[in-house]
Structure formats: structure tokens, C-alpha cells
Amino acid sequence: MSAKGRVYQKGRFAGILEKKGNEYFFVYDDDFLQDENTKSISLTLPKKKKKFKSHYLFSFFFGLLAEGITKEIQCRKLKIDPDDHFERLLKTAKYDTTGSVTIEEINE
């Protein structure tokens, strides 16, 4: 099973975040990489032409998730498993996030 999201920084397309099985991947968009006026989305994901890989949701993206009562409300209203951090990220990080990064779910 695979799920994907488009990652935006200040409204500009920055790359693709994907979950395949139990692994997570992030890759920057080529245009974003080549633009000298853009900075990496996080210190832990520097602007490089490579596919970042992790067995856990990258800490930067995990930090975009709501906690506490807001998490409970989101999970109940959207019928999301509270332990499915990736689905929660795709369903809730499109508009209102802390910082300049948003994520839009890709429905294929």
C-alpha cells in the first residue's frame, strides 16, 4: 500500500512525501532544488537531489501533527486511527499548520 502527499513551502511546491509499506520517503522537486531563493523545508531534510528514506515518519513532518484534544477531535471527526500518523498528516496538514509547510494529499 502506498500513500502520497505534495509538500509545499510558503505555497510553492517543494517535493513529494510518500509512505510505502512501513517506509517513508521524501524527495525534493527539481525546480525547487534549482531555485537559489528557496531554502530546505527543514534542517533534517537539506536541499539535496536524493531520496530521503526512514522507517518512521520523519520527525519534521511528525511535528506538524496536532496533539491532545485537537488530535482526538480530528481522529473522531475524520474517522482516522490515532496511531496512523501519515493518514492524519495527509488529512489535516493542507491549510492550517505551524510554520510555512503544508501538505496536500495525492489521490491516485
C-alpha atoms as a PDB file:
ATOM      1  CA  MET A   1       0.000   0.000   0.000  1.00  0.00           C
ATOM      2  CA  SER A   2       1.242   3.446  -0.925  1.00  0.00           C
ATOM      3  CA  ALA A   3       0.063   6.925   0.026  1.00  0.00           C
ATOM      4  CA  LYS A   4       1.496  10.250  -1.122  1.00  0.00           C
ATOM      5  CA  GLY A   5       1.330  13.939  -0.447  1.00  0.00           C
ATOM      6  CA  ARG A   6       2.593  17.058  -2.192  1.00  0.00           C
ATOM      7  CA  VAL A   7       4.697  19.174   0.131  1.00  0.00           C
ATOM      8  CA  TYR A   8       4.534  22.958  -0.215  1.00  0.00           C
ATOM      9  CA  GLN A   9       6.706  25.623   1.376  1.00  0.00           C
ATOM     10  CA  LYS A  10       5.049  29.050   1.506  1.00  0.00           C
ATOM     11  CA  GLY A  11       2.642  27.818  -1.172  1.00  0.00           C
ATOM     12  CA  ARG A  12       5.403  26.665  -3.525  1.00  0.00           C
ATOM     13  CA  PHE A  13       5.643  23.003  -4.495  1.00  0.00           C
ATOM     14  CA  ALA A  14       8.725  21.592  -2.749  1.00  0.00           C
ATOM     15  CA  GLY A  15       8.507  17.812  -3.148  1.00  0.00           C
ATOM     16  CA  ILE A  16       6.703  14.522  -2.581  1.00  0.00           C
ATOM     17  CA  LEU A  17       6.252  12.687   0.706  1.00  0.00           C
ATOM     18  CA  GLU A  18       5.323   9.024   0.359  1.00  0.00           C
ATOM     19  CA  LYS A  19       4.637   6.013   2.529  1.00  0.00           C
ATOM     20  CA  LYS A  20       5.226   2.575   1.003  1.00  0.00           C
ATOM     21  CA  GLY A  21       4.534  -0.273   3.377  1.00  0.00           C
ATOM     22  CA  ASN A  22       6.455   0.573   6.566  1.00  0.00           C
ATOM     23  CA  GLU A  23       8.869   3.023   4.949  1.00  0.00           C
ATOM     24  CA  TYR A  24       8.664   6.749   4.344  1.00  0.00           C
ATOM     25  CA  PHE A  25      10.286   8.702   1.530  1.00  0.00           C
ATOM     26  CA  PHE A  26      10.745  12.359   0.735  1.00  0.00           C
ATOM     27  CA  VAL A  27      12.191  13.767  -2.476  1.00  0.00           C
ATOM     28  CA  TYR A  28      12.547  17.415  -3.450  1.00  0.00           C
ATOM     29  CA  ASP A  29      11.148  18.686  -6.730  1.00  0.00           C
ATOM     30  CA  ASP A  30      13.877  19.501  -9.279  1.00  0.00           C
ATOM     31  CA  ASP A  31      12.642  23.079  -9.852  1.00  0.00           C
ATOM     32  CA  PHE A  32      12.597  23.711  -6.100  1.00  0.00           C
ATOM     33  CA  LEU A  33      16.152  22.376  -5.790  1.00  0.00           C
ATOM     34  CA  GLN A  34      17.454  24.558  -8.601  1.00  0.00           C
ATOM     35  CA  ASP A  35      15.920  27.772  -7.250  1.00  0.00           C
ATOM     36  CA  GLU A  36      18.605  29.533  -5.208  1.00  0.00           C
ATOM     37  CA  ASN A  37      15.934  31.608  -3.444  1.00  0.00           C
ATOM     38  CA  THR A  38      14.394  28.580  -1.709  1.00  0.00           C
ATOM     39  CA  LYS A  39      15.633  27.002   1.483  1.00  0.00           C
ATOM     40  CA  SER A  40      15.225  23.431   2.648  1.00  0.00           C
ATOM     41  CA  ILE A  41      11.937  22.670   4.365  1.00  0.00           C
ATOM     42  CA  SER A  42      13.865  21.616   7.483  1.00  0.00           C
ATOM     43  CA  LEU A  43      17.399  21.229   8.786  1.00  0.00           C
ATOM     44  CA  THR A  44      16.929  17.456   8.890  1.00  0.00           C
ATOM     45  CA  LEU A  45      15.921  17.389   5.196  1.00  0.00           C
ATOM     46  CA  PRO A  46      18.587  19.503   3.481  1.00  0.00           C
ATOM     47  CA  LYS A  47      18.123  20.558  -0.154  1.00  0.00           C
ATOM     48  CA  LYS A  48      19.759  17.666  -1.983  1.00  0.00           C
ATOM     49  CA  LYS A  49      18.967  15.647  -5.056  1.00  0.00           C
ATOM     50  CA  LYS A  50      18.359  12.385  -3.243  1.00  0.00           C
ATOM     51  CA  LYS A  51      15.506  10.304  -1.929  1.00  0.00           C
ATOM     52  CA  PHE A  52      15.355  10.558   1.858  1.00  0.00           C
ATOM     53  CA  LYS A  53      14.217   7.321   3.488  1.00  0.00           C
ATOM     54  CA  SER A  54      13.071   6.458   7.008  1.00  0.00           C
ATOM     55  CA  HIS A  55      11.405   3.597   8.858  1.00  0.00           C
ATOM     56  CA  TYR A  56       9.439   6.214  10.843  1.00  0.00           C
ATOM     57  CA  LEU A  57       7.570   9.322   9.794  1.00  0.00           C
ATOM     58  CA  PHE A  58      10.273  11.984   9.512  1.00  0.00           C
ATOM     59  CA  SER A  59      10.404  13.983  12.745  1.00  0.00           C
ATOM     60  CA  PHE A  60       9.865  17.256  10.884  1.00  0.00           C
ATOM     61  CA  PHE A  61       6.542  16.035   9.456  1.00  0.00           C
ATOM     62  CA  PHE A  62       5.524  14.404  12.742  1.00  0.00           C
ATOM     63  CA  GLY A  63       5.975  17.835  14.335  1.00  0.00           C
ATOM     64  CA  LEU A  64       3.202  19.225  12.099  1.00  0.00           C
ATOM     65  CA  LEU A  65       0.619  16.960  13.734  1.00  0.00           C
ATOM     66  CA  ALA A  66      -1.834  18.190  16.327  1.00  0.00           C
ATOM     67  CA  GLU A  67      -1.712  16.765  19.838  1.00  0.00           C
ATOM     68  CA  GLY A  68      -4.055  16.360  22.789  1.00  0.00           C
ATOM     69  CA  ILE A  69      -7.710  17.260  22.438  1.00  0.00           C
ATOM     70  CA  THR A  70      -7.216  18.602  18.891  1.00  0.00           C
ATOM     71  CA  LYS A  71      -5.807  15.224  17.818  1.00  0.00           C
ATOM     72  CA  GLU A  72      -8.766  13.449  19.435  1.00  0.00           C
ATOM     73  CA  ILE A  73     -11.270  15.707  17.651  1.00  0.00           C
ATOM     74  CA  GLN A  74      -9.538  15.278  14.287  1.00  0.00           C
ATOM     75  CA  CYS A  75      -9.432  11.498  14.601  1.00  0.00           C
ATOM     76  CA  ARG A  76     -13.051  11.252  15.686  1.00  0.00           C
ATOM     77  CA  LYS A  77     -14.427  13.623  13.010  1.00  0.00           C
ATOM     78  CA  LEU A  78     -12.277  12.273  10.173  1.00  0.00           C
ATOM     79  CA  LYS A  79     -12.502   8.636  11.338  1.00  0.00           C
ATOM     80  CA  ILE A  80      -8.715   8.262  11.442  1.00  0.00           C
ATOM     81  CA  ASP A  81      -6.812   5.757  13.553  1.00  0.00           C
ATOM     82  CA  PRO A  82      -4.957   7.883  16.161  1.00  0.00           C
ATOM     83  CA  ASP A  83      -1.840   5.782  15.554  1.00  0.00           C
ATOM     84  CA  ASP A  84      -1.855   6.349  11.777  1.00  0.00           C
ATOM     85  CA  HIS A  85       0.293   9.460  11.775  1.00  0.00           C
ATOM     86  CA  PHE A  86       0.719   9.536   7.997  1.00  0.00           C
ATOM     87  CA  GLU A  87      -3.009   9.499   7.264  1.00  0.00           C
ATOM     88  CA  ARG A  88      -3.546  12.173   9.895  1.00  0.00           C
ATOM     89  CA  LEU A  89      -0.851  14.286   8.256  1.00  0.00           C
ATOM     90  CA  LEU A  90      -2.390  13.922   4.799  1.00  0.00           C
ATOM     91  CA  LYS A  91      -5.895  14.704   6.065  1.00  0.00           C
ATOM     92  CA  THR A  92      -5.059  17.658   8.324  1.00  0.00           C
ATOM     93  CA  ALA A  93      -1.927  19.484   7.107  1.00  0.00           C
ATOM     94  CA  LYS A  94      -3.296  21.093   3.945  1.00  0.00           C
ATOM     95  CA  TYR A  95      -4.151  24.505   5.354  1.00  0.00           C
ATOM     96  CA  ASP A  96      -3.534  25.203   8.997  1.00  0.00           C
ATOM     97  CA  THR A  97      -0.046  24.188  10.082  1.00  0.00           C
ATOM     98  CA  THR A  98       2.598  25.710  12.280  1.00  0.00           C
ATOM     99  CA  GLY A  99       5.247  27.231  10.050  1.00  0.00           C
ATOM    100  CA  SER A 100       5.446  27.552   6.290  1.00  0.00           C
ATOM    101  CA  VAL A 101       4.952  23.923   5.178  1.00  0.00           C
ATOM    102  CA  THR A 102       1.649  22.404   4.112  1.00  0.00           C
ATOM    103  CA  ILE A 103       0.835  19.007   2.630  1.00  0.00           C
ATOM    104  CA  GLU A 104      -1.812  18.106   0.087  1.00  0.00           C
ATOM    105  CA  GLU A 105      -2.917  14.503  -0.274  1.00  0.00           C
ATOM    106  CA  ILE A 106      -2.468  12.928  -3.708  1.00  0.00           C
ATOM    107  CA  ASN A 107      -5.474  10.797  -4.615  1.00  0.00           C
ATOM    108  CA  GLU A 108      -4.470   8.275  -7.254  1.00  0.00           C
END
